[in-house]
Amino acid sequence: VVTMSQSVDVRGVISGGILAGLARAFLTRESFFTTRVENTSLEAPGNVLIAPSDPGGIALHRLFRGDEMMLTSGAYLAADESVHVESALQGQLGNSLLSGTGFFLLRASGEGNLAIAAYGSMHKYILAVGEKRMIDNGHLVTWTASMKYRMKLASARAGFLGSMTSGEGLHCEFERPGVIYIQSHKPSMGGDGNSSGSSRPKSGGSGGG
């Protein structure tokens, strides 16, 4: 939290219970506690400014009933109380190993606003029926849960050697209708598995009115 009005109350809660908090902390490297932001005044509106720990863009995505979004580690910043965020296991082993997203992701569902953070600027793409898009692994932030993706060489014509020597290597090919958010920068990974400069932002706040 960067700043907040006088009527705003901030406290730490375990969203979803102890088991859900442990799953977030150990499986997705998110915070065990969630910051709850709530306006305590019935007369005056409250406001709060939140920001991720790393420099980058923030997008506000509206979830409707039945919608689900998959989030990479560090992408979750905040959400309305009506939005449920939990850890989720990726279904395909190859995607987990090669896409840079890891074995465990976050799944956001429910109805309300979801704030997501990027490393660098945020870019949004809406795919129509039958449309496909290639995305460099490591730049993924959030995507519609019903979308499917697979790992492919960046250049099908150039083959393995041509893709690797071009500096592009492997890409994620997304298909099916849905929304994809990507980040302009790809955090460099140190030997400990974290960004060598600063780690991606952890945790987020569940804000009330």
N, C-alpha and C. Protein backbone atom coordinates (compact mmCIF):
# COMPACT_ATOMS: atom_id res chain seq x y z
N VAL A 1 0.85 -1.19 0.00
CA VAL A 1 0.00 0.00 0.00
C VAL A 1 0.88 1.24 0.00
N VAL A 2 0.69 2.11 -0.97
CA VAL A 2 1.48 3.34 -1.07
C VAL A 2 0.86 4.45 -0.25
N THR A 3 -0.44 4.65 -0.40
CA THR A 3 -1.14 5.68 0.37
C THR A 3 -2.62 5.30 0.46
N MET A 4 -3.28 5.81 1.50
CA MET A 4 -4.71 5.51 1.68
C MET A 4 -5.37 6.66 2.43
N SER A 5 -6.66 6.78 2.22
CA SER A 5 -7.42 7.84 2.90
C SER A 5 -7.67 7.46 4.36
N GLN A 6 -8.12 8.43 5.13
CA GLN A 6 -8.25 8.27 6.57
C GLN A 6 -9.21 7.15 6.97
N SER A 7 -10.23 6.91 6.18
CA SER A 7 -11.26 5.93 6.55
C SER A 7 -10.92 4.49 6.16
N VAL A 8 -9.77 4.29 5.54
CA VAL A 8 -9.40 2.96 5.06
C VAL A 8 -8.67 2.18 6.15
N ASP A 9 -9.05 0.94 6.33
CA ASP A 9 -8.42 0.04 7.31
C ASP A 9 -7.69 -1.07 6.57
N VAL A 10 -6.49 -1.38 7.00
CA VAL A 10 -5.67 -2.41 6.37
C VAL A 10 -5.28 -3.45 7.41
N ARG A 11 -5.48 -4.74 7.08
CA ARG A 11 -5.07 -5.81 7.99
C ARG A 11 -4.77 -7.07 7.20
N GLY A 12 -3.95 -7.92 7.79
CA GLY A 12 -3.58 -9.16 7.15
C GLY A 12 -4.55 -10.28 7.50
N VAL A 13 -4.95 -11.05 6.50
CA VAL A 13 -5.85 -12.17 6.70
C VAL A 13 -5.30 -13.38 5.94
N ILE A 14 -5.77 -14.57 6.32
CA ILE A 14 -5.41 -15.79 5.60
C ILE A 14 -6.56 -16.10 4.65
N SER A 15 -6.42 -15.70 3.42
CA SER A 15 -7.49 -15.88 2.45
C SER A 15 -7.67 -17.34 2.08
N GLY A 16 -8.90 -17.85 2.26
CA GLY A 16 -9.19 -19.24 1.92
C GLY A 16 -8.84 -20.25 2.99
N GLY A 17 -8.29 -19.80 4.11
CA GLY A 17 -7.93 -20.72 5.19
C GLY A 17 -6.44 -21.04 5.20
N ILE A 18 -6.02 -21.78 6.23
CA ILE A 18 -4.60 -22.08 6.43
C ILE A 18 -4.03 -22.91 5.28
N LEU A 19 -4.77 -23.94 4.85
CA LEU A 19 -4.26 -24.80 3.78
C LEU A 19 -4.08 -24.03 2.47
N ALA A 20 -5.03 -23.17 2.16
CA ALA A 20 -4.92 -22.36 0.94
C ALA A 20 -3.74 -21.39 1.05
N GLY A 21 -3.52 -20.84 2.24
CA GLY A 21 -2.39 -19.94 2.44
C GLY A 21 -1.06 -20.66 2.30
N LEU A 22 -0.97 -21.87 2.85
CA LEU A 22 0.25 -22.66 2.72
C LEU A 22 0.51 -23.04 1.26
N ALA A 23 -0.55 -23.37 0.53
CA ALA A 23 -0.40 -23.73 -0.88
C ALA A 23 0.13 -22.55 -1.68
N ARG A 24 -0.39 -21.37 -1.42
CA ARG A 24 0.09 -20.17 -2.12
C ARG A 24 1.55 -19.91 -1.81
N ALA A 25 1.92 -20.04 -0.52
CA ALA A 25 3.27 -19.69 -0.10
C ALA A 25 4.31 -20.66 -0.62
N PHE A 26 4.02 -21.97 -0.57
CA PHE A 26 5.02 -22.97 -0.93
C PHE A 26 4.98 -23.39 -2.40
N LEU A 27 3.82 -23.30 -3.03
CA LEU A 27 3.69 -23.78 -4.40
C LEU A 27 3.85 -22.68 -5.44
N THR A 28 3.43 -21.46 -5.12
CA THR A 28 3.49 -20.37 -6.09
C THR A 28 4.34 -19.19 -5.62
N ARG A 29 4.98 -19.31 -4.46
CA ARG A 29 5.86 -18.27 -3.92
C ARG A 29 5.12 -16.96 -3.65
N GLU A 30 3.83 -17.05 -3.42
CA GLU A 30 3.06 -15.87 -3.04
C GLU A 30 3.07 -15.76 -1.51
N SER A 31 2.53 -14.68 -0.98
CA SER A 31 2.52 -14.48 0.46
C SER A 31 1.49 -15.37 1.14
N PHE A 32 1.82 -15.85 2.34
CA PHE A 32 0.89 -16.66 3.13
C PHE A 32 -0.33 -15.83 3.53
N PHE A 33 -0.08 -14.56 3.85
CA PHE A 33 -1.16 -13.66 4.24
C PHE A 33 -1.59 -12.79 3.06
N THR A 34 -2.85 -12.41 3.07
CA THR A 34 -3.38 -11.48 2.09
C THR A 34 -3.75 -10.19 2.81
N THR A 35 -3.41 -9.07 2.21
CA THR A 35 -3.75 -7.77 2.80
C THR A 35 -5.18 -7.40 2.45
N ARG A 36 -5.99 -7.22 3.46
CA ARG A 36 -7.39 -6.82 3.25
C ARG A 36 -7.51 -5.32 3.43
N VAL A 37 -8.05 -4.66 2.42
CA VAL A 37 -8.23 -3.20 2.43
C VAL A 37 -9.72 -2.90 2.42
N GLU A 38 -10.18 -2.14 3.41
CA GLU A 38 -11.62 -1.91 3.55
C GLU A 38 -11.90 -0.49 4.00
N ASN A 39 -12.92 0.11 3.41
CA ASN A 39 -13.36 1.44 3.82
C ASN A 39 -14.31 1.29 5.01
N THR A 40 -13.96 1.86 6.15
CA THR A 40 -14.75 1.70 7.37
C THR A 40 -15.82 2.78 7.53
N SER A 41 -15.83 3.78 6.67
CA SER A 41 -16.80 4.86 6.79
C SER A 41 -18.03 4.56 5.95
N LEU A 42 -19.21 4.79 6.53
CA LEU A 42 -20.46 4.61 5.82
C LEU A 42 -20.89 5.88 5.11
N GLU A 43 -20.19 6.97 5.36
CA GLU A 43 -20.58 8.26 4.81
C GLU A 43 -19.66 8.73 3.69
N ALA A 44 -18.36 8.58 3.87
CA ALA A 44 -17.41 9.09 2.89
C ALA A 44 -16.74 7.95 2.13
N PRO A 45 -16.52 8.11 0.82
CA PRO A 45 -15.80 7.08 0.05
C PRO A 45 -14.31 7.07 0.43
N GLY A 46 -13.72 5.90 0.35
CA GLY A 46 -12.30 5.78 0.66
C GLY A 46 -11.52 5.43 -0.60
N ASN A 47 -10.23 5.68 -0.57
CA ASN A 47 -9.38 5.32 -1.69
C ASN A 47 -8.02 4.87 -1.19
N VAL A 48 -7.39 4.02 -2.00
CA VAL A 48 -6.09 3.48 -1.64
C VAL A 48 -5.26 3.31 -2.91
N LEU A 49 -3.98 3.55 -2.82
CA LEU A 49 -3.06 3.36 -3.94
C LEU A 49 -2.13 2.20 -3.60
N ILE A 50 -2.14 1.17 -4.44
CA ILE A 50 -1.27 0.03 -4.25
C ILE A 50 -0.34 -0.11 -5.44
N ALA A 51 0.82 -0.72 -5.20
CA ALA A 51 1.81 -0.86 -6.28
C ALA A 51 2.63 -2.12 -6.04
N PRO A 52 3.06 -2.78 -7.11
CA PRO A 52 3.94 -3.95 -6.97
C PRO A 52 5.35 -3.52 -6.58
N SER A 53 6.16 -4.46 -6.13
CA SER A 53 7.52 -4.14 -5.70
C SER A 53 8.44 -3.88 -6.88
N ASP A 54 8.14 -4.43 -8.05
CA ASP A 54 8.96 -4.23 -9.24
C ASP A 54 8.35 -3.17 -10.13
N PRO A 55 9.17 -2.43 -10.90
CA PRO A 55 8.62 -1.44 -11.83
C PRO A 55 7.90 -2.13 -12.98
N GLY A 56 6.72 -1.64 -13.28
CA GLY A 56 5.97 -2.25 -14.37
C GLY A 56 4.54 -1.77 -14.40
N GLY A 57 3.83 -2.21 -15.42
CA GLY A 57 2.45 -1.80 -15.61
C GLY A 57 1.48 -2.61 -14.78
N ILE A 58 0.30 -2.05 -14.60
CA ILE A 58 -0.80 -2.70 -13.88
C ILE A 58 -2.04 -2.67 -14.76
N ALA A 59 -2.74 -3.78 -14.82
CA ALA A 59 -3.98 -3.85 -15.59
C ALA A 59 -5.12 -4.29 -14.67
N LEU A 60 -6.29 -3.74 -14.93
CA LEU A 60 -7.49 -4.10 -14.18
C LEU A 60 -8.38 -4.93 -15.10
N HIS A 61 -8.54 -6.21 -14.76
CA HIS A 61 -9.34 -7.12 -15.58
C HIS A 61 -10.64 -7.43 -14.86
N ARG A 62 -11.75 -7.31 -15.59
CA ARG A 62 -13.06 -7.57 -15.01
C ARG A 62 -13.44 -9.03 -15.21
N LEU A 63 -13.68 -9.72 -14.11
CA LEU A 63 -14.14 -11.11 -14.15
C LEU A 63 -15.65 -11.14 -14.01
N PHE A 64 -16.29 -11.91 -14.89
CA PHE A 64 -17.72 -12.12 -14.80
C PHE A 64 -17.98 -13.55 -14.31
N ARG A 65 -19.18 -13.81 -13.90
CA ARG A 65 -19.50 -15.13 -13.35
C ARG A 65 -19.20 -16.22 -14.38
N GLY A 66 -18.44 -17.21 -13.95
CA GLY A 66 -18.04 -18.29 -14.83
C GLY A 66 -16.66 -18.10 -15.45
N ASP A 67 -16.12 -16.88 -15.36
CA ASP A 67 -14.79 -16.61 -15.91
C ASP A 67 -13.70 -17.14 -14.97
N GLU A 68 -12.61 -17.59 -15.56
CA GLU A 68 -11.44 -18.00 -14.78
C GLU A 68 -10.20 -17.54 -15.52
N MET A 69 -9.23 -17.04 -14.75
CA MET A 69 -7.96 -16.59 -15.33
C MET A 69 -6.81 -17.31 -14.63
N MET A 70 -5.79 -17.68 -15.42
CA MET A 70 -4.58 -18.28 -14.87
C MET A 70 -3.52 -17.19 -14.74
N LEU A 71 -2.84 -17.16 -13.60
CA LEU A 71 -1.84 -16.13 -13.33
C LEU A 71 -0.50 -16.77 -13.00
N THR A 72 0.57 -16.23 -13.58
CA THR A 72 1.89 -16.70 -13.23
C THR A 72 2.31 -16.13 -11.88
N SER A 73 3.36 -16.68 -11.31
CA SER A 73 3.84 -16.24 -10.01
C SER A 73 4.24 -14.77 -10.05
N GLY A 74 3.72 -13.98 -9.13
CA GLY A 74 4.02 -12.56 -9.07
C GLY A 74 3.06 -11.67 -9.83
N ALA A 75 2.15 -12.26 -10.60
CA ALA A 75 1.23 -11.45 -11.41
C ALA A 75 0.07 -10.90 -10.59
N TYR A 76 -0.31 -11.60 -9.52
CA TYR A 76 -1.47 -11.17 -8.74
C TYR A 76 -1.12 -9.99 -7.85
N LEU A 77 -1.88 -8.92 -7.97
CA LEU A 77 -1.67 -7.73 -7.15
C LEU A 77 -2.80 -7.50 -6.17
N ALA A 78 -4.05 -7.54 -6.63
CA ALA A 78 -5.20 -7.29 -5.77
C ALA A 78 -6.46 -7.75 -6.47
N ALA A 79 -7.54 -7.84 -5.70
CA ALA A 79 -8.83 -8.23 -6.27
C ALA A 79 -9.95 -7.85 -5.32
N ASP A 80 -11.15 -7.74 -5.88
CA ASP A 80 -12.33 -7.56 -5.04
C ASP A 80 -12.51 -8.79 -4.15
N GLU A 81 -13.21 -8.59 -3.05
CA GLU A 81 -13.43 -9.69 -2.12
C GLU A 81 -14.22 -10.83 -2.76
N SER A 82 -15.00 -10.53 -3.77
CA SER A 82 -15.82 -11.53 -4.44
C SER A 82 -15.03 -12.40 -5.41
N VAL A 83 -13.75 -12.06 -5.64
CA VAL A 83 -12.88 -12.84 -6.51
C VAL A 83 -12.08 -13.83 -5.67
N HIS A 84 -12.10 -15.09 -6.06
CA HIS A 84 -11.40 -16.15 -5.33
C HIS A 84 -10.11 -16.51 -6.07
N VAL A 85 -8.99 -16.48 -5.34
CA VAL A 85 -7.68 -16.79 -5.93
C VAL A 85 -7.08 -17.98 -5.19
N GLU A 86 -6.71 -19.02 -5.93
CA GLU A 86 -6.16 -20.23 -5.33
C GLU A 86 -5.05 -20.78 -6.21
N SER A 87 -4.20 -21.64 -5.64
CA SER A 87 -3.14 -22.27 -6.41
C SER A 87 -3.72 -23.38 -7.28
N ALA A 88 -3.09 -23.62 -8.44
CA ALA A 88 -3.57 -24.63 -9.38
C ALA A 88 -2.38 -25.29 -10.05
N LEU A 89 -2.50 -26.59 -10.31
CA LEU A 89 -1.45 -27.36 -10.95
C LEU A 89 -1.64 -27.37 -12.45
N GLN A 90 -0.56 -27.12 -13.20
CA GLN A 90 -0.63 -27.19 -14.65
C GLN A 90 -0.83 -28.63 -15.09
N GLY A 91 -1.66 -28.81 -16.12
CA GLY A 91 -2.00 -30.15 -16.56
C GLY A 91 -0.94 -30.84 -17.40
N GLN A 92 -0.13 -30.07 -18.14
CA GLN A 92 0.85 -30.65 -19.05
C GLN A 92 2.26 -30.41 -18.54
N LEU A 93 3.02 -31.49 -18.39
CA LEU A 93 4.37 -31.42 -17.84
C LEU A 93 5.30 -30.59 -18.73
N GLY A 94 5.20 -30.77 -20.06
CA GLY A 94 6.07 -30.04 -20.98
C GLY A 94 5.90 -28.54 -20.86
N ASN A 95 4.66 -28.08 -20.74
CA ASN A 95 4.41 -26.65 -20.59
C ASN A 95 5.02 -26.11 -19.30
N SER A 96 4.93 -26.89 -18.23
CA SER A 96 5.46 -26.47 -16.94
C SER A 96 6.97 -26.30 -16.99
N LEU A 97 7.64 -27.22 -17.66
CA LEU A 97 9.11 -27.21 -17.70
C LEU A 97 9.67 -26.16 -18.65
N LEU A 98 9.00 -25.94 -19.79
CA LEU A 98 9.59 -25.14 -20.85
C LEU A 98 9.01 -23.74 -21.00
N SER A 99 7.83 -23.50 -20.47
CA SER A 99 7.19 -22.21 -20.69
C SER A 99 7.67 -21.13 -19.74
N GLY A 100 8.34 -21.52 -18.65
CA GLY A 100 8.78 -20.54 -17.67
C GLY A 100 7.72 -20.18 -16.65
N THR A 101 6.54 -20.80 -16.74
CA THR A 101 5.46 -20.49 -15.80
C THR A 101 5.51 -21.34 -14.54
N GLY A 102 6.22 -22.48 -14.58
CA GLY A 102 6.32 -23.34 -13.41
C GLY A 102 5.20 -24.36 -13.34
N PHE A 103 5.32 -25.29 -12.38
CA PHE A 103 4.33 -26.34 -12.23
C PHE A 103 3.02 -25.81 -11.66
N PHE A 104 3.12 -24.81 -10.78
CA PHE A 104 1.93 -24.30 -10.11
C PHE A 104 1.67 -22.85 -10.51
N LEU A 105 0.40 -22.56 -10.74
CA LEU A 105 -0.05 -21.23 -11.09
C LEU A 105 -1.10 -20.78 -10.09
N LEU A 106 -1.62 -19.59 -10.28
CA LEU A 106 -2.77 -19.12 -9.53
C LEU A 106 -3.98 -19.10 -10.45
N ARG A 107 -5.13 -19.48 -9.90
CA ARG A 107 -6.38 -19.45 -10.66
C ARG A 107 -7.33 -18.46 -9.98
N ALA A 108 -7.78 -17.47 -10.74
CA ALA A 108 -8.71 -16.46 -10.23
C ALA A 108 -10.09 -16.72 -10.82
N SER A 109 -11.09 -16.75 -9.97
CA SER A 109 -12.47 -17.00 -10.41
C SER A 109 -13.42 -16.13 -9.58
N GLY A 110 -14.67 -16.14 -9.98
CA GLY A 110 -15.65 -15.33 -9.28
C GLY A 110 -16.12 -14.18 -10.13
N GLU A 111 -16.55 -13.12 -9.49
CA GLU A 111 -17.08 -11.95 -10.20
C GLU A 111 -16.57 -10.70 -9.54
N GLY A 112 -15.87 -9.86 -10.31
CA GLY A 112 -15.31 -8.64 -9.76
C GLY A 112 -14.05 -8.22 -10.50
N ASN A 113 -13.35 -7.26 -9.94
CA ASN A 113 -12.14 -6.72 -10.55
C ASN A 113 -10.91 -7.45 -10.05
N LEU A 114 -9.99 -7.73 -10.99
CA LEU A 114 -8.73 -8.40 -10.69
C LEU A 114 -7.60 -7.50 -11.17
N ALA A 115 -6.71 -7.11 -10.27
CA ALA A 115 -5.56 -6.27 -10.63
C ALA A 115 -4.34 -7.16 -10.80
N ILE A 116 -3.68 -7.04 -11.96
CA ILE A 116 -2.51 -7.85 -12.24
C ILE A 116 -1.32 -6.93 -12.55
N ALA A 117 -0.12 -7.42 -12.21
CA ALA A 117 1.09 -6.62 -12.37
C ALA A 117 2.04 -7.27 -13.35
N ALA A 118 2.77 -6.46 -14.08
CA ALA A 118 3.73 -6.94 -15.07
C ALA A 118 5.12 -6.40 -14.76
N TYR A 119 6.12 -7.07 -15.30
CA TYR A 119 7.50 -6.58 -15.24
C TYR A 119 7.75 -5.84 -16.55
N GLY A 120 7.74 -4.50 -16.49
CA GLY A 120 7.74 -3.70 -17.70
C GLY A 120 6.31 -3.32 -18.04
N SER A 121 6.06 -2.97 -19.27
CA SER A 121 4.72 -2.57 -19.68
C SER A 121 3.82 -3.78 -19.92
N MET A 122 2.52 -3.58 -19.74
CA MET A 122 1.52 -4.63 -19.91
C MET A 122 0.87 -4.50 -21.29
N HIS A 123 0.67 -5.65 -21.93
CA HIS A 123 0.00 -5.66 -23.24
C HIS A 123 -1.09 -6.73 -23.23
N LYS A 124 -2.24 -6.36 -23.77
CA LYS A 124 -3.42 -7.24 -23.76
C LYS A 124 -3.76 -7.65 -25.19
N TYR A 125 -4.03 -8.95 -25.37
CA TYR A 125 -4.44 -9.47 -26.67
C TYR A 125 -5.71 -10.30 -26.51
N ILE A 126 -6.67 -10.07 -27.38
CA ILE A 126 -7.92 -10.81 -27.38
C ILE A 126 -7.95 -11.71 -28.61
N LEU A 127 -7.99 -13.01 -28.39
CA LEU A 127 -7.98 -13.96 -29.50
C LEU A 127 -9.40 -14.37 -29.86
N ALA A 128 -9.70 -14.35 -31.14
CA ALA A 128 -11.01 -14.77 -31.63
C ALA A 128 -10.99 -16.27 -31.92
N VAL A 129 -12.12 -16.81 -32.31
CA VAL A 129 -12.23 -18.23 -32.63
C VAL A 129 -11.30 -18.57 -33.79
N GLY A 130 -10.46 -19.58 -33.60
CA GLY A 130 -9.54 -20.01 -34.64
C GLY A 130 -8.24 -19.23 -34.70
N GLU A 131 -8.12 -18.17 -33.93
CA GLU A 131 -6.90 -17.35 -33.96
C GLU A 131 -5.84 -17.94 -33.04
N LYS A 132 -4.58 -17.84 -33.44
CA LYS A 132 -3.46 -18.32 -32.64
C LYS A 132 -2.45 -17.20 -32.45
N ARG A 133 -1.69 -17.27 -31.36
CA ARG A 133 -0.65 -16.27 -31.12
C ARG A 133 0.54 -16.92 -30.43
N MET A 134 1.74 -16.61 -30.95
CA MET A 134 2.98 -17.11 -30.37
C MET A 134 3.51 -16.08 -29.37
N ILE A 135 3.92 -16.56 -28.19
CA ILE A 135 4.43 -15.68 -27.14
C ILE A 135 5.72 -16.27 -26.59
N ASP A 136 6.75 -15.45 -26.50
CA ASP A 136 8.03 -15.89 -25.96
C ASP A 136 7.85 -16.31 -24.50
N ASN A 137 8.38 -17.48 -24.17
CA ASN A 137 8.24 -17.95 -22.79
C ASN A 137 8.95 -17.00 -21.84
N GLY A 138 8.35 -16.77 -20.71
CA GLY A 138 8.87 -15.81 -19.73
C GLY A 138 8.15 -14.48 -19.77
N HIS A 139 7.38 -14.22 -20.84
CA HIS A 139 6.65 -12.96 -20.95
C HIS A 139 5.17 -13.12 -20.59
N LEU A 140 4.75 -14.32 -20.26
CA LEU A 140 3.36 -14.56 -19.91
C LEU A 140 3.03 -13.97 -18.54
N VAL A 141 1.84 -13.38 -18.43
CA VAL A 141 1.37 -12.84 -17.15
C VAL A 141 0.07 -13.53 -16.74
N THR A 142 -0.95 -13.40 -17.57
CA THR A 142 -2.28 -13.93 -17.25
C THR A 142 -2.99 -14.31 -18.54
N TRP A 143 -3.83 -15.35 -18.48
CA TRP A 143 -4.61 -15.74 -19.66
C TRP A 143 -5.89 -16.46 -19.23
N THR A 144 -6.85 -16.49 -20.12
CA THR A 144 -8.11 -17.18 -19.86
C THR A 144 -7.86 -18.66 -19.63
N ALA A 145 -8.43 -19.20 -18.56
CA ALA A 145 -8.13 -20.58 -18.16
C ALA A 145 -8.56 -21.60 -19.19
N SER A 146 -9.57 -21.31 -19.98
CA SER A 146 -10.07 -22.27 -20.97
C SER A 146 -9.19 -22.34 -22.22
N MET A 147 -8.23 -21.44 -22.35
CA MET A 147 -7.35 -21.45 -23.51
C MET A 147 -6.32 -22.57 -23.39
N LYS A 148 -5.91 -23.10 -24.52
CA LYS A 148 -4.88 -24.13 -24.54
C LYS A 148 -3.62 -23.56 -25.19
N TYR A 149 -2.47 -24.01 -24.68
CA TYR A 149 -1.22 -23.61 -25.32
C TYR A 149 -0.24 -24.76 -25.30
N ARG A 150 0.70 -24.70 -26.23
CA ARG A 150 1.74 -25.72 -26.31
C ARG A 150 3.05 -25.05 -26.70
N MET A 151 4.15 -25.71 -26.38
CA MET A 151 5.46 -25.17 -26.70
C MET A 151 5.84 -25.53 -28.13
N LYS A 152 6.33 -24.54 -28.87
CA LYS A 152 6.74 -24.75 -30.25
C LYS A 152 8.02 -23.96 -30.52
N LEU A 153 8.74 -24.37 -31.55
CA LEU A 153 9.88 -23.60 -32.00
C LEU A 153 9.41 -22.26 -32.55
N ALA A 154 10.21 -21.23 -32.34
CA ALA A 154 9.82 -19.90 -32.80
C ALA A 154 9.64 -19.85 -34.31
N SER A 155 10.45 -20.60 -35.03
CA SER A 155 10.36 -20.63 -36.49
C SER A 155 10.21 -22.06 -36.96
N ALA A 156 9.04 -22.39 -37.51
CA ALA A 156 8.82 -23.74 -38.00
C ALA A 156 9.65 -24.01 -39.26
N ARG A 157 9.87 -22.98 -40.06
CA ARG A 157 10.63 -23.14 -41.30
C ARG A 157 12.12 -23.34 -41.03
N ALA A 158 12.64 -22.59 -40.07
CA ALA A 158 14.08 -22.64 -39.79
C ALA A 158 14.47 -23.89 -39.01
N GLY A 159 13.50 -24.50 -38.34
CA GLY A 159 13.79 -25.69 -37.56
C GLY A 159 14.47 -25.38 -36.24
N PHE A 160 14.97 -26.41 -35.56
CA PHE A 160 15.54 -26.26 -34.23
C PHE A 160 16.76 -25.34 -34.24
N LEU A 161 17.71 -25.60 -35.13
CA LEU A 161 18.93 -24.82 -35.17
C LEU A 161 18.65 -23.36 -35.50
N GLY A 162 17.79 -23.14 -36.50
CA GLY A 162 17.46 -21.77 -36.89
C GLY A 162 16.77 -21.01 -35.78
N SER A 163 15.87 -21.68 -35.04
CA SER A 163 15.15 -21.01 -33.94
C SER A 163 16.11 -20.64 -32.82
N MET A 164 17.02 -21.56 -32.49
CA MET A 164 17.94 -21.32 -31.40
C MET A 164 18.97 -20.23 -31.75
N THR A 165 19.49 -20.27 -32.96
CA THR A 165 20.49 -19.28 -33.35
C THR A 165 19.89 -17.90 -33.57
N SER A 166 18.58 -17.82 -33.76
CA SER A 166 17.94 -16.52 -33.92
C SER A 166 17.76 -15.79 -32.59
N GLY A 167 17.98 -16.53 -31.48
CA GLY A 167 17.81 -15.95 -30.16
C GLY A 167 16.40 -16.07 -29.63
N GLU A 168 15.49 -16.65 -30.40
CA GLU A 168 14.10 -16.77 -30.00
C GLU A 168 13.81 -18.09 -29.30
N GLY A 169 14.32 -19.20 -29.84
CA GLY A 169 14.13 -20.50 -29.19
C GLY A 169 12.70 -20.96 -29.18
N LEU A 170 12.19 -21.27 -27.98
CA LEU A 170 10.83 -21.79 -27.83
C LEU A 170 9.82 -20.69 -27.55
N HIS A 171 8.62 -20.87 -28.09
CA HIS A 171 7.51 -19.97 -27.85
C HIS A 171 6.30 -20.77 -27.39
N CYS A 172 5.37 -20.08 -26.74
CA CYS A 172 4.08 -20.68 -26.36
C CYS A 172 3.07 -20.30 -27.43
N GLU A 173 2.42 -21.29 -28.01
CA GLU A 173 1.38 -21.02 -29.01
C GLU A 173 0.01 -21.18 -28.35
N PHE A 174 -0.70 -20.06 -28.24
CA PHE A 174 -2.03 -20.05 -27.63
C PHE A 174 -3.09 -20.13 -28.72
N GLU A 175 -4.19 -20.81 -28.38
CA GLU A 175 -5.33 -20.87 -29.28
C GLU A 175 -6.62 -20.92 -28.48
N ARG A 176 -7.73 -20.82 -29.19
CA ARG A 176 -9.08 -20.74 -28.62
C ARG A 176 -9.40 -19.28 -28.26
N PRO A 177 -10.66 -18.94 -28.19
CA PRO A 177 -11.03 -17.58 -27.79
C PRO A 177 -10.61 -17.30 -26.35
N GLY A 178 -10.15 -16.09 -26.12
CA GLY A 178 -9.76 -15.72 -24.77
C GLY A 178 -8.90 -14.47 -24.75
N VAL A 179 -8.45 -14.13 -23.55
CA VAL A 179 -7.65 -12.93 -23.32
C VAL A 179 -6.28 -13.33 -22.79
N ILE A 180 -5.24 -12.68 -23.29
CA ILE A 180 -3.88 -12.93 -22.82
C ILE A 180 -3.24 -11.59 -22.45
N TYR A 181 -2.61 -11.55 -21.28
CA TYR A 181 -1.82 -10.40 -20.88
C TYR A 181 -0.35 -10.82 -20.85
N ILE A 182 0.50 -10.01 -21.46
CA ILE A 182 1.92 -10.32 -21.46
C ILE A 182 2.70 -9.09 -20.97
N GLN A 183 3.95 -9.32 -20.57
CA GLN A 183 4.81 -8.25 -20.10
C GLN A 183 5.94 -8.01 -21.10
N SER A 184 6.35 -6.75 -21.22
CA SER A 184 7.35 -6.40 -22.23
C SER A 184 8.74 -6.89 -21.86
N HIS A 185 9.01 -7.05 -20.56
CA HIS A 185 10.33 -7.47 -20.12
C HIS A 185 10.29 -8.88 -19.55
N LYS A 186 11.39 -9.57 -19.73
CA LYS A 186 11.53 -10.93 -19.22
C LYS A 186 12.56 -10.92 -18.10
N PRO A 187 12.15 -11.14 -16.85
CA PRO A 187 13.10 -11.09 -15.73
C PRO A 187 14.23 -12.09 -15.93
N SER A 188 15.47 -11.63 -15.77
CA SER A 188 16.61 -12.54 -15.85
C SER A 188 16.65 -13.37 -14.58
N MET A 189 16.93 -14.65 -14.73
CA MET A 189 16.90 -15.57 -13.61
C MET A 189 18.29 -15.81 -13.07
N GLY A 190 18.48 -15.67 -11.76
CA GLY A 190 19.75 -15.96 -11.12
C GLY A 190 19.84 -17.42 -10.76
N GLY A 191 20.90 -17.78 -10.13
CA GLY A 191 21.11 -19.18 -9.77
C GLY A 191 20.13 -19.69 -8.75
N ASP A 192 19.54 -18.77 -7.96
CA ASP A 192 18.59 -19.21 -6.94
C ASP A 192 17.19 -19.30 -7.47
N GLY A 193 16.99 -19.02 -8.78
CA GLY A 193 15.66 -19.13 -9.38
C GLY A 193 14.87 -17.86 -9.32
N ASN A 194 15.45 -16.81 -8.71
CA ASN A 194 14.75 -15.54 -8.62
C ASN A 194 15.34 -14.56 -9.60
N SER A 195 14.61 -13.48 -9.86
CA SER A 195 15.10 -12.44 -10.74
C SER A 195 16.38 -11.88 -10.17
N SER A 196 17.39 -11.70 -11.03
CA SER A 196 18.68 -11.25 -10.55
C SER A 196 18.65 -9.81 -10.08
N GLY A 197 17.73 -9.02 -10.61
CA GLY A 197 17.63 -7.65 -10.17
C GLY A 197 16.78 -7.54 -8.92
N SER A 198 15.51 -7.79 -9.05
CA SER A 198 14.58 -7.81 -7.92
C SER A 198 13.52 -8.83 -8.24
N SER A 199 13.01 -9.47 -7.23
CA SER A 199 12.05 -10.54 -7.44
C SER A 199 10.73 -9.98 -7.90
N ARG A 200 9.95 -10.82 -8.59
CA ARG A 200 8.61 -10.40 -8.99
C ARG A 200 7.79 -10.12 -7.76
N PRO A 201 6.79 -9.22 -7.83
CA PRO A 201 6.01 -8.84 -6.67
C PRO A 201 5.29 -10.02 -6.05
N LYS A 202 5.28 -10.05 -4.74
CA LYS A 202 4.57 -11.10 -4.02
C LYS A 202 3.27 -10.54 -3.45
N SER A 203 2.31 -11.42 -3.35
CA SER A 203 1.03 -11.19 -2.70
C SER A 203 0.25 -10.05 -3.29
N GLY A 204 -0.95 -9.90 -2.79
CA GLY A 204 -1.81 -8.80 -3.23
C GLY A 204 -2.83 -8.54 -2.17
N GLY A 205 -3.65 -7.53 -2.38
CA GLY A 205 -4.66 -7.18 -1.41
C GLY A 205 -6.02 -7.50 -1.91
N SER A 206 -6.87 -7.93 -1.02
CA SER A 206 -8.27 -8.14 -1.36
C SER A 206 -9.03 -6.94 -0.82
N GLY A 207 -9.45 -6.08 -1.70
CA GLY A 207 -9.99 -4.79 -1.27
C GLY A 207 -11.50 -4.79 -1.15
N GLY A 208 -11.97 -4.20 -0.11
CA GLY A 208 -13.39 -3.95 0.04
C GLY A 208 -13.67 -2.50 -0.23
N GLY A 209 -14.95 -2.17 -0.59
CA GLY A 209 -15.40 -0.82 -0.90
C GLY A 209 -14.53 0.25 -0.38
